Amino acid sequence: MSTNEKIKSDILLCTVYLHRLVRTQARQSAQNWAEIAVLNNLEHWGGSIGARSPAALTQKELASYEQVSQAAMSNIIRKLRDQELVRCKKNTADSRSVLVSLTAKGRRHLAKQGPLIKQVFDQLLDDLSKDELSQLGNGIKILSEALKSSGEVQSALRNTREGISA
């Protein structure tokens, strides 16, 4: 295995492990993992897709990000709406779809979840040296910028669910 292949494999393995750790921590909180993921997606991706209002995504986009059916996403959104964590409104650009956005209460709730999930990373990162943290920070910055600028990544996130259901 070449060095580049090894690095790619290591990155994939790390993302799997981190996903499991965060998911385990989220299970220990009062909020369902899928609901936290939807709130995070609204906060992270909502303002960067299209020319819609900040933090608004369609139900279809959210279902695609989470790789669940639109029916499953509808149930998640209903629970979040009942808790007043999100609001829904008709999409004026496409009357068949609904735009979902965070409420102020949803933002506060998400901010409270952060420290629970942060504990997972604190435990891992506290054992690293200053130099290791610096190297990791540089690598993550590069990877994050590549992900943000990749049209393929955003397209894949939007279209993943469509590909699975086809």
N, C-alpha and C. Protein backbone atom coordinates (compact mmCIF):
# COMPACT_ATOMS: atom_id res chain seq x y z
N MET A 1 0.86 -1.18 0.00
CA MET A 1 0.00 0.00 0.00
C MET A 1 0.90 1.24 0.00
N SER A 2 0.62 2.15 -0.92
CA SER A 2 1.42 3.38 -1.01
C SER A 2 1.12 4.28 0.18
N THR A 3 1.98 5.27 0.38
CA THR A 3 1.80 6.22 1.47
C THR A 3 0.46 6.95 1.34
N ASN A 4 0.13 7.41 0.14
CA ASN A 4 -1.13 8.11 -0.08
C ASN A 4 -2.33 7.21 0.21
N GLU A 5 -2.26 5.95 -0.23
CA GLU A 5 -3.34 5.01 0.05
C GLU A 5 -3.48 4.77 1.54
N LYS A 6 -2.37 4.69 2.25
CA LYS A 6 -2.38 4.48 3.71
C LYS A 6 -3.02 5.69 4.40
N ILE A 7 -2.66 6.88 3.97
CA ILE A 7 -3.23 8.09 4.57
C ILE A 7 -4.73 8.14 4.33
N LYS A 8 -5.15 7.85 3.11
CA LYS A 8 -6.58 7.84 2.80
C LYS A 8 -7.33 6.82 3.65
N SER A 9 -6.73 5.64 3.80
CA SER A 9 -7.32 4.59 4.63
C SER A 9 -7.41 5.03 6.09
N ASP A 10 -6.35 5.67 6.59
CA ASP A 10 -6.35 6.15 7.97
C ASP A 10 -7.41 7.22 8.20
N ILE A 11 -7.59 8.11 7.23
CA ILE A 11 -8.61 9.16 7.35
C ILE A 11 -9.99 8.54 7.41
N LEU A 12 -10.25 7.58 6.54
CA LEU A 12 -11.55 6.90 6.54
C LEU A 12 -11.79 6.20 7.88
N LEU A 13 -10.79 5.49 8.35
CA LEU A 13 -10.92 4.79 9.62
C LEU A 13 -11.19 5.76 10.77
N CYS A 14 -10.49 6.88 10.78
CA CYS A 14 -10.70 7.90 11.83
C CYS A 14 -12.12 8.45 11.78
N THR A 15 -12.63 8.70 10.59
CA THR A 15 -14.00 9.24 10.51
C THR A 15 -15.01 8.22 11.04
N VAL A 16 -14.78 6.95 10.76
CA VAL A 16 -15.68 5.91 11.27
C VAL A 16 -15.63 5.88 12.80
N TYR A 17 -14.43 5.87 13.36
CA TYR A 17 -14.28 5.84 14.81
C TYR A 17 -14.89 7.08 15.47
N LEU A 18 -14.61 8.25 14.90
CA LEU A 18 -15.16 9.49 15.47
C LEU A 18 -16.68 9.50 15.40
N HIS A 19 -17.22 9.03 14.30
CA HIS A 19 -18.67 8.96 14.16
C HIS A 19 -19.27 8.08 15.25
N ARG A 20 -18.65 6.94 15.49
CA ARG A 20 -19.14 6.03 16.54
C ARG A 20 -19.05 6.67 17.92
N LEU A 21 -17.93 7.33 18.19
CA LEU A 21 -17.77 7.98 19.50
C LEU A 21 -18.82 9.06 19.73
N VAL A 22 -19.01 9.90 18.74
CA VAL A 22 -19.98 10.99 18.86
C VAL A 22 -21.39 10.42 18.99
N ARG A 23 -21.67 9.41 18.21
CA ARG A 23 -22.99 8.78 18.26
C ARG A 23 -23.26 8.18 19.64
N THR A 24 -22.26 7.52 20.20
CA THR A 24 -22.40 6.94 21.54
C THR A 24 -22.65 8.03 22.57
N GLN A 25 -21.90 9.12 22.47
CA GLN A 25 -22.09 10.23 23.41
C GLN A 25 -23.48 10.85 23.25
N ALA A 26 -23.92 10.99 22.02
CA ALA A 26 -25.24 11.58 21.77
C ALA A 26 -26.34 10.70 22.35
N ARG A 27 -26.16 9.40 22.29
CA ARG A 27 -27.16 8.48 22.86
C ARG A 27 -27.33 8.71 24.35
N GLN A 28 -26.27 9.15 24.99
CA GLN A 28 -26.32 9.38 26.43
C GLN A 28 -27.03 10.69 26.78
N SER A 29 -27.23 11.53 25.77
CA SER A 29 -27.96 12.77 26.01
C SER A 29 -29.45 12.49 25.81
N ALA A 30 -30.27 13.46 26.13
CA ALA A 30 -31.70 13.29 26.02
C ALA A 30 -32.18 13.35 24.57
N GLN A 31 -31.37 13.85 23.67
CA GLN A 31 -31.79 14.06 22.29
C GLN A 31 -31.39 12.88 21.41
N ASN A 32 -32.25 12.48 20.53
CA ASN A 32 -32.00 11.43 19.56
C ASN A 32 -30.88 11.85 18.62
N TRP A 33 -30.00 10.90 18.26
CA TRP A 33 -28.87 11.21 17.39
C TRP A 33 -29.32 11.80 16.06
N ALA A 34 -30.34 11.22 15.46
CA ALA A 34 -30.81 11.72 14.16
C ALA A 34 -31.28 13.16 14.27
N GLU A 35 -31.93 13.49 15.37
CA GLU A 35 -32.41 14.86 15.58
C GLU A 35 -31.25 15.83 15.74
N ILE A 36 -30.23 15.43 16.48
CA ILE A 36 -29.05 16.28 16.64
C ILE A 36 -28.37 16.48 15.28
N ALA A 37 -28.29 15.41 14.50
CA ALA A 37 -27.66 15.50 13.18
C ALA A 37 -28.42 16.48 12.28
N VAL A 38 -29.75 16.45 12.33
CA VAL A 38 -30.55 17.38 11.52
C VAL A 38 -30.30 18.82 11.96
N LEU A 39 -30.28 19.05 13.25
CA LEU A 39 -30.02 20.40 13.76
C LEU A 39 -28.64 20.87 13.33
N ASN A 40 -27.66 19.98 13.41
CA ASN A 40 -26.30 20.33 12.98
C ASN A 40 -26.25 20.63 11.49
N ASN A 41 -26.93 19.83 10.69
CA ASN A 41 -26.97 20.08 9.25
C ASN A 41 -27.60 21.42 8.94
N LEU A 42 -28.67 21.76 9.64
CA LEU A 42 -29.31 23.06 9.42
C LEU A 42 -28.36 24.20 9.74
N GLU A 43 -27.64 24.04 10.85
CA GLU A 43 -26.72 25.10 11.23
C GLU A 43 -25.52 25.17 10.28
N HIS A 44 -24.99 24.03 9.90
CA HIS A 44 -23.75 24.01 9.11
C HIS A 44 -23.98 24.28 7.63
N TRP A 45 -24.96 23.61 7.01
CA TRP A 45 -25.15 23.68 5.57
C TRP A 45 -26.24 24.65 5.15
N GLY A 46 -27.13 24.98 6.05
CA GLY A 46 -28.31 25.76 5.68
C GLY A 46 -28.01 27.08 5.01
N GLY A 47 -27.03 27.79 5.47
CA GLY A 47 -26.76 29.09 4.89
C GLY A 47 -25.91 29.06 3.64
N SER A 48 -25.43 27.87 3.24
CA SER A 48 -24.49 27.83 2.12
C SER A 48 -25.05 27.20 0.86
N ILE A 49 -26.30 26.80 0.86
CA ILE A 49 -26.88 26.16 -0.32
C ILE A 49 -27.91 27.08 -0.94
N GLY A 50 -27.70 27.44 -2.18
CA GLY A 50 -28.68 28.27 -2.89
C GLY A 50 -28.76 29.67 -2.33
N ALA A 51 -29.82 30.36 -2.70
CA ALA A 51 -30.00 31.75 -2.29
C ALA A 51 -31.15 31.88 -1.30
N ARG A 52 -31.34 30.85 -0.51
CA ARG A 52 -32.43 30.87 0.46
C ARG A 52 -32.00 31.60 1.72
N SER A 53 -32.96 31.74 2.63
CA SER A 53 -32.65 32.37 3.90
C SER A 53 -31.64 31.53 4.67
N PRO A 54 -30.87 32.14 5.56
CA PRO A 54 -29.87 31.39 6.31
C PRO A 54 -30.49 30.23 7.07
N ALA A 55 -29.74 29.14 7.11
CA ALA A 55 -30.10 27.94 7.87
C ALA A 55 -31.40 27.29 7.42
N ALA A 56 -31.76 27.41 6.16
CA ALA A 56 -32.96 26.74 5.64
C ALA A 56 -32.55 25.69 4.62
N LEU A 57 -33.04 24.48 4.82
CA LEU A 57 -32.83 23.39 3.89
C LEU A 57 -34.16 22.73 3.62
N THR A 58 -34.28 22.08 2.48
CA THR A 58 -35.51 21.35 2.20
C THR A 58 -35.45 20.01 2.94
N GLN A 59 -36.62 19.45 3.13
CA GLN A 59 -36.71 18.14 3.76
C GLN A 59 -35.94 17.11 2.93
N LYS A 60 -36.01 17.24 1.61
CA LYS A 60 -35.31 16.32 0.71
C LYS A 60 -33.80 16.42 0.91
N GLU A 61 -33.28 17.64 1.04
CA GLU A 61 -31.84 17.82 1.28
C GLU A 61 -31.42 17.18 2.60
N LEU A 62 -32.23 17.41 3.63
CA LEU A 62 -31.92 16.84 4.94
C LEU A 62 -31.93 15.31 4.89
N ALA A 63 -32.91 14.75 4.20
CA ALA A 63 -32.99 13.29 4.05
C ALA A 63 -31.76 12.77 3.32
N SER A 64 -31.30 13.50 2.33
CA SER A 64 -30.12 13.11 1.57
C SER A 64 -28.88 13.14 2.46
N TYR A 65 -28.71 14.20 3.23
CA TYR A 65 -27.55 14.31 4.12
C TYR A 65 -27.49 13.15 5.10
N GLU A 66 -28.64 12.79 5.63
CA GLU A 66 -28.68 11.74 6.66
C GLU A 66 -28.88 10.35 6.08
N GLN A 67 -29.03 10.27 4.77
CA GLN A 67 -29.23 9.00 4.08
C GLN A 67 -30.40 8.21 4.65
N VAL A 68 -31.52 8.92 4.79
CA VAL A 68 -32.77 8.31 5.22
C VAL A 68 -33.84 8.66 4.21
N SER A 69 -34.95 7.95 4.26
CA SER A 69 -36.05 8.26 3.34
C SER A 69 -36.67 9.59 3.72
N GLN A 70 -37.40 10.17 2.78
CA GLN A 70 -38.09 11.43 3.08
C GLN A 70 -39.17 11.21 4.14
N ALA A 71 -39.76 10.02 4.17
CA ALA A 71 -40.77 9.71 5.19
C ALA A 71 -40.13 9.70 6.58
N ALA A 72 -38.96 9.08 6.69
CA ALA A 72 -38.25 9.07 7.98
C ALA A 72 -37.87 10.49 8.39
N MET A 73 -37.40 11.28 7.41
CA MET A 73 -37.02 12.66 7.72
C MET A 73 -38.24 13.46 8.15
N SER A 74 -39.37 13.19 7.54
CA SER A 74 -40.60 13.88 7.91
C SER A 74 -40.93 13.64 9.38
N ASN A 75 -40.73 12.41 9.84
CA ASN A 75 -40.98 12.08 11.26
C ASN A 75 -40.00 12.81 12.18
N ILE A 76 -38.74 12.85 11.78
CA ILE A 76 -37.73 13.56 12.59
C ILE A 76 -38.08 15.04 12.66
N ILE A 77 -38.41 15.63 11.52
CA ILE A 77 -38.74 17.06 11.49
C ILE A 77 -39.98 17.34 12.32
N ARG A 78 -40.97 16.45 12.26
CA ARG A 78 -42.18 16.64 13.06
C ARG A 78 -41.84 16.67 14.56
N LYS A 79 -40.99 15.77 14.99
CA LYS A 79 -40.58 15.75 16.41
C LYS A 79 -39.86 17.04 16.78
N LEU A 80 -38.96 17.49 15.91
CA LEU A 80 -38.23 18.73 16.18
C LEU A 80 -39.17 19.94 16.18
N ARG A 81 -40.13 19.93 15.27
CA ARG A 81 -41.11 21.02 15.20
C ARG A 81 -41.99 21.02 16.46
N ASP A 82 -42.40 19.84 16.92
CA ASP A 82 -43.20 19.74 18.15
C ASP A 82 -42.44 20.28 19.37
N GLN A 83 -41.12 20.15 19.34
CA GLN A 83 -40.28 20.67 20.42
C GLN A 83 -39.92 22.14 20.19
N GLU A 84 -40.39 22.71 19.09
CA GLU A 84 -40.13 24.09 18.71
C GLU A 84 -38.65 24.36 18.45
N LEU A 85 -37.94 23.33 17.97
CA LEU A 85 -36.52 23.47 17.65
C LEU A 85 -36.30 23.87 16.20
N VAL A 86 -37.29 23.58 15.34
CA VAL A 86 -37.23 23.98 13.93
C VAL A 86 -38.58 24.56 13.54
N ARG A 87 -38.57 25.30 12.43
CA ARG A 87 -39.82 25.79 11.84
C ARG A 87 -39.84 25.35 10.39
N CYS A 88 -41.03 25.17 9.87
CA CYS A 88 -41.20 24.75 8.49
C CYS A 88 -42.06 25.77 7.77
N LYS A 89 -41.72 26.03 6.52
CA LYS A 89 -42.57 26.90 5.69
C LYS A 89 -42.48 26.42 4.25
N LYS A 90 -43.52 26.72 3.51
CA LYS A 90 -43.53 26.35 2.10
C LYS A 90 -42.38 27.03 1.37
N ASN A 91 -41.78 26.31 0.46
CA ASN A 91 -40.71 26.84 -0.36
C ASN A 91 -41.35 27.64 -1.50
N THR A 92 -41.14 28.94 -1.52
CA THR A 92 -41.76 29.77 -2.57
C THR A 92 -41.19 29.46 -3.95
N ALA A 93 -39.97 28.91 -4.01
CA ALA A 93 -39.36 28.56 -5.29
C ALA A 93 -39.90 27.23 -5.83
N ASP A 94 -40.41 26.39 -4.93
CA ASP A 94 -40.95 25.08 -5.33
C ASP A 94 -42.04 24.70 -4.34
N SER A 95 -43.29 24.90 -4.73
CA SER A 95 -44.41 24.72 -3.80
C SER A 95 -44.56 23.27 -3.33
N ARG A 96 -43.87 22.34 -3.99
CA ARG A 96 -43.95 20.93 -3.55
C ARG A 96 -43.05 20.66 -2.35
N SER A 97 -42.13 21.56 -2.05
CA SER A 97 -41.19 21.30 -0.96
C SER A 97 -41.39 22.26 0.20
N VAL A 98 -40.81 21.87 1.31
CA VAL A 98 -40.89 22.63 2.55
C VAL A 98 -39.48 23.00 2.96
N LEU A 99 -39.30 24.25 3.39
CA LEU A 99 -38.01 24.69 3.93
C LEU A 99 -38.03 24.53 5.44
N VAL A 100 -36.97 23.97 5.96
CA VAL A 100 -36.84 23.74 7.40
C VAL A 100 -35.70 24.64 7.90
N SER A 101 -35.94 25.33 9.00
CA SER A 101 -34.89 26.19 9.56
C SER A 101 -34.88 26.07 11.08
N LEU A 102 -33.75 26.40 11.65
CA LEU A 102 -33.60 26.39 13.10
C LEU A 102 -34.37 27.56 13.72
N THR A 103 -34.94 27.32 14.88
CA THR A 103 -35.50 28.41 15.67
C THR A 103 -34.42 28.86 16.65
N ALA A 104 -34.67 29.96 17.34
CA ALA A 104 -33.72 30.41 18.37
C ALA A 104 -33.58 29.32 19.44
N LYS A 105 -34.69 28.70 19.78
CA LYS A 105 -34.67 27.61 20.77
C LYS A 105 -33.82 26.44 20.24
N GLY A 106 -33.93 26.15 18.95
CA GLY A 106 -33.13 25.10 18.34
C GLY A 106 -31.64 25.39 18.40
N ARG A 107 -31.28 26.65 18.16
CA ARG A 107 -29.86 27.05 18.25
C ARG A 107 -29.34 26.89 19.68
N ARG A 108 -30.15 27.32 20.64
CA ARG A 108 -29.75 27.17 22.05
C ARG A 108 -29.59 25.70 22.41
N HIS A 109 -30.54 24.89 21.96
CA HIS A 109 -30.49 23.46 22.25
C HIS A 109 -29.24 22.82 21.65
N LEU A 110 -28.94 23.19 20.42
CA LEU A 110 -27.76 22.67 19.75
C LEU A 110 -26.49 23.10 20.49
N ALA A 111 -26.46 24.31 20.97
CA ALA A 111 -25.31 24.81 21.73
C ALA A 111 -25.11 24.01 23.01
N LYS A 112 -26.20 23.55 23.61
CA LYS A 112 -26.09 22.73 24.82
C LYS A 112 -25.56 21.34 24.51
N GLN A 113 -25.88 20.82 23.32
CA GLN A 113 -25.41 19.49 22.93
C GLN A 113 -23.91 19.49 22.65
N GLY A 114 -23.40 20.61 22.18
CA GLY A 114 -21.98 20.71 21.83
C GLY A 114 -21.05 20.26 22.93
N PRO A 115 -21.23 20.75 24.17
CA PRO A 115 -20.33 20.32 25.25
C PRO A 115 -20.38 18.81 25.51
N LEU A 116 -21.55 18.19 25.33
CA LEU A 116 -21.62 16.75 25.52
C LEU A 116 -20.77 16.03 24.50
N ILE A 117 -20.86 16.45 23.26
CA ILE A 117 -20.10 15.82 22.19
C ILE A 117 -18.62 16.22 22.29
N LYS A 118 -18.37 17.44 22.74
CA LYS A 118 -16.99 17.92 22.88
C LYS A 118 -16.20 17.07 23.88
N GLN A 119 -16.89 16.53 24.88
CA GLN A 119 -16.21 15.68 25.86
C GLN A 119 -15.49 14.51 25.20
N VAL A 120 -16.09 13.97 24.15
CA VAL A 120 -15.47 12.86 23.44
C VAL A 120 -14.12 13.29 22.89
N PHE A 121 -14.07 14.45 22.26
CA PHE A 121 -12.84 14.91 21.64
C PHE A 121 -11.84 15.37 22.68
N ASP A 122 -12.30 16.00 23.75
CA ASP A 122 -11.38 16.45 24.79
C ASP A 122 -10.60 15.28 25.36
N GLN A 123 -11.28 14.18 25.61
CA GLN A 123 -10.61 13.00 26.17
C GLN A 123 -9.54 12.48 25.22
N LEU A 124 -9.83 12.49 23.94
CA LEU A 124 -8.86 12.00 22.96
C LEU A 124 -7.70 12.97 22.77
N LEU A 125 -8.02 14.24 22.64
CA LEU A 125 -7.01 15.23 22.29
C LEU A 125 -6.12 15.63 23.46
N ASP A 126 -6.60 15.48 24.67
CA ASP A 126 -5.79 15.83 25.84
C ASP A 126 -4.53 14.97 25.95
N ASP A 127 -4.55 13.79 25.34
CA ASP A 127 -3.40 12.90 25.42
C ASP A 127 -2.35 13.18 24.34
N LEU A 128 -2.64 14.11 23.44
CA LEU A 128 -1.69 14.44 22.38
C LEU A 128 -0.74 15.55 22.82
N SER A 129 0.48 15.50 22.29
CA SER A 129 1.45 16.56 22.59
C SER A 129 1.04 17.82 21.83
N LYS A 130 1.68 18.94 22.19
CA LYS A 130 1.42 20.21 21.51
C LYS A 130 1.75 20.10 20.02
N ASP A 131 2.86 19.44 19.72
CA ASP A 131 3.27 19.27 18.33
C ASP A 131 2.27 18.40 17.57
N GLU A 132 1.81 17.31 18.19
CA GLU A 132 0.82 16.44 17.54
C GLU A 132 -0.48 17.19 17.30
N LEU A 133 -0.91 17.98 18.26
CA LEU A 133 -2.13 18.78 18.09
C LEU A 133 -1.98 19.77 16.96
N SER A 134 -0.80 20.40 16.86
CA SER A 134 -0.54 21.35 15.80
C SER A 134 -0.59 20.67 14.43
N GLN A 135 0.05 19.51 14.31
CA GLN A 135 0.03 18.76 13.06
C GLN A 135 -1.40 18.33 12.70
N LEU A 136 -2.11 17.85 13.68
CA LEU A 136 -3.50 17.43 13.45
C LEU A 136 -4.35 18.62 13.02
N GLY A 137 -4.17 19.75 13.68
CA GLY A 137 -4.91 20.96 13.32
C GLY A 137 -4.66 21.39 11.89
N ASN A 138 -3.39 21.36 11.48
CA ASN A 138 -3.06 21.72 10.09
C ASN A 138 -3.70 20.77 9.10
N GLY A 139 -3.64 19.47 9.40
CA GLY A 139 -4.24 18.48 8.51
C GLY A 139 -5.76 18.63 8.42
N ILE A 140 -6.38 18.87 9.53
CA ILE A 140 -7.84 19.02 9.54
C ILE A 140 -8.26 20.30 8.81
N LYS A 141 -7.45 21.35 8.96
CA LYS A 141 -7.75 22.60 8.23
C LYS A 141 -7.71 22.35 6.73
N ILE A 142 -6.70 21.65 6.28
CA ILE A 142 -6.57 21.34 4.85
C ILE A 142 -7.75 20.48 4.39
N LEU A 143 -8.08 19.46 5.15
CA LEU A 143 -9.18 18.57 4.78
C LEU A 143 -10.51 19.32 4.79
N SER A 144 -10.74 20.15 5.78
CA SER A 144 -11.98 20.93 5.87
C SER A 144 -12.13 21.87 4.68
N GLU A 145 -11.05 22.55 4.32
CA GLU A 145 -11.10 23.45 3.17
C GLU A 145 -11.37 22.69 1.88
N ALA A 146 -10.76 21.52 1.75
CA ALA A 146 -11.00 20.71 0.55
C ALA A 146 -12.46 20.27 0.48
N LEU A 147 -13.02 19.88 1.62
CA LEU A 147 -14.43 19.47 1.65
C LEU A 147 -15.36 20.64 1.34
N LYS A 148 -15.07 21.80 1.91
CA LYS A 148 -15.91 22.98 1.67
C LYS A 148 -15.90 23.40 0.21
N SER A 149 -14.74 23.32 -0.41
CA SER A 149 -14.63 23.82 -1.77
C SER A 149 -15.00 22.78 -2.83
N SER A 150 -15.25 21.57 -2.40
CA SER A 150 -15.55 20.51 -3.36
C SER A 150 -17.02 20.51 -3.73
N GLY A 151 -17.29 20.89 -4.96
CA GLY A 151 -18.66 20.81 -5.47
C GLY A 151 -19.14 19.38 -5.49
N GLU A 152 -18.21 18.45 -5.73
CA GLU A 152 -18.57 17.03 -5.74
C GLU A 152 -19.08 16.57 -4.39
N VAL A 153 -18.46 17.04 -3.31
CA VAL A 153 -18.89 16.65 -1.97
C VAL A 153 -20.31 17.15 -1.71
N GLN A 154 -20.57 18.42 -1.99
CA GLN A 154 -21.91 18.95 -1.75
C GLN A 154 -22.93 18.26 -2.64
N SER A 155 -22.57 17.99 -3.87
CA SER A 155 -23.48 17.29 -4.78
C SER A 155 -23.74 15.88 -4.26
N ALA A 156 -22.70 15.21 -3.81
CA ALA A 156 -22.86 13.85 -3.28
C ALA A 156 -23.76 13.85 -2.05
N LEU A 157 -23.57 14.85 -1.18
CA LEU A 157 -24.43 14.93 0.00
C LEU A 157 -25.89 15.10 -0.39
N ARG A 158 -26.13 15.91 -1.40
CA ARG A 158 -27.50 16.14 -1.83
C ARG A 158 -28.08 14.93 -2.55
N ASN A 159 -27.27 14.22 -3.28
CA ASN A 159 -27.78 13.16 -4.14
C ASN A 159 -27.62 11.75 -3.59
N THR A 160 -27.01 11.59 -2.44
CA THR A 160 -26.76 10.26 -1.89
C THR A 160 -28.06 9.49 -1.74
N ARG A 161 -29.04 10.11 -1.15
CA ARG A 161 -30.29 9.41 -0.89
C ARG A 161 -30.97 9.02 -2.21
N GLU A 162 -30.91 9.88 -3.20
CA GLU A 162 -31.53 9.58 -4.49
C GLU A 162 -30.86 8.36 -5.11
N GLY A 163 -29.54 8.24 -4.97
CA GLY A 163 -28.82 7.10 -5.51
C GLY A 163 -29.16 5.81 -4.80
N ILE A 164 -29.36 5.88 -3.51
CA ILE A 164 -29.70 4.69 -2.73
C ILE A 164 -31.09 4.20 -3.06
N SER A 165 -32.03 5.11 -3.24
CA SER A 165 -33.41 4.71 -3.46
C SER A 165 -33.68 4.31 -4.92
N ALA A 166 -32.73 4.62 -5.81
CA ALA A 166 -32.94 4.29 -7.23
C ALA A 166 -32.80 2.80 -7.50
